[in-house]
Amino acid sequence: MNDNILFDKGYQWIFFGRDPDKPEKIIDTNQYLIKDGNRSLLLDPGGIETFSAMLASITRHVRLDDISDIFASHQDPDIISSLGLWDKALPHARLHAPWLWEGFIRHFGCENIEYMGIPDEGCELELNNSKLVFIPAHYLHASGNYNVYDSNAKILMSGDIGAALEPAGSGMFVEDFDAHTQNMTLFHQRWMPSNKAKNDWVARVRNLDIEMMAPQHGRIFKGDDVKRFLDWFEALEVGIATNKLKKAA
């Protein structure tokens, strides 16, 4: 599991992804950790298949006792089916996840970790030096879904929004935006069901100061590519499920 520090000013944002040892038919996912003194937040920790690699990578940066909180943007197994194992490794932690999905997420195992249901309108979480906002991103693609925004680091962890399915060995950051849209178009048309929800999200996010947009799959957007993505996404018709989109599933 490769790891890179995205932000390091009083606290750190750490990116984990591009696991070369993942099973062939498992979707590659991006995981993130916010390390803030003796408190850390693990974002979308991944599927059960990546647990051992994630555990080994994380312990290079923090003590397990310092991981006080976990965030799950929605209920999909690629980001949270490892919960039963984290529940044993981090019995003291709290899980921040949509209230709507609690009955589903608990099927992955949640005996020790405290479930903190995020309300529909979102909420905030303060660590030590970082103040994070759970921003509603409902129907993009899950009916209960959130992003995480850090105004100090100017990073938006955007979940499946901005995701791209790419081959192993792809770079960490978007380098050619126009070329990158070829890896995003079918995914967003298939998995994002509502143009209204999409446009509401774009309007909300345009008001944020974002230097880096970090999705759950694929490459990270930085600088002007964040605005390019918002313009591209706003113009894209989504909720289109036709035969030609089968490969986007």
Foldseek 3Di string as FASTA:
>chain_A
DDKDWPDDDQKTKMKDWLPVPADPPQFTWIKIKIGHPLAIETELQFALRCVVVSVVVCVVPHDLQSHAEYEYFAQDRGRQLNVQVNCVSNLNHEYEYAPVCPVPSCVSPHDRHHYDHAYQQWDWDDDPPWIKTWHALAPQPHNGGTWIATQVSQEIADECQVAFGDDRPDDAADDDLVVRVVRVQLLQQARRQDLVSLVVVLVVCVVGRHQWYHYTHDYIYGDPVVVVSSVVSNPHHHNDDDPVSVVSD
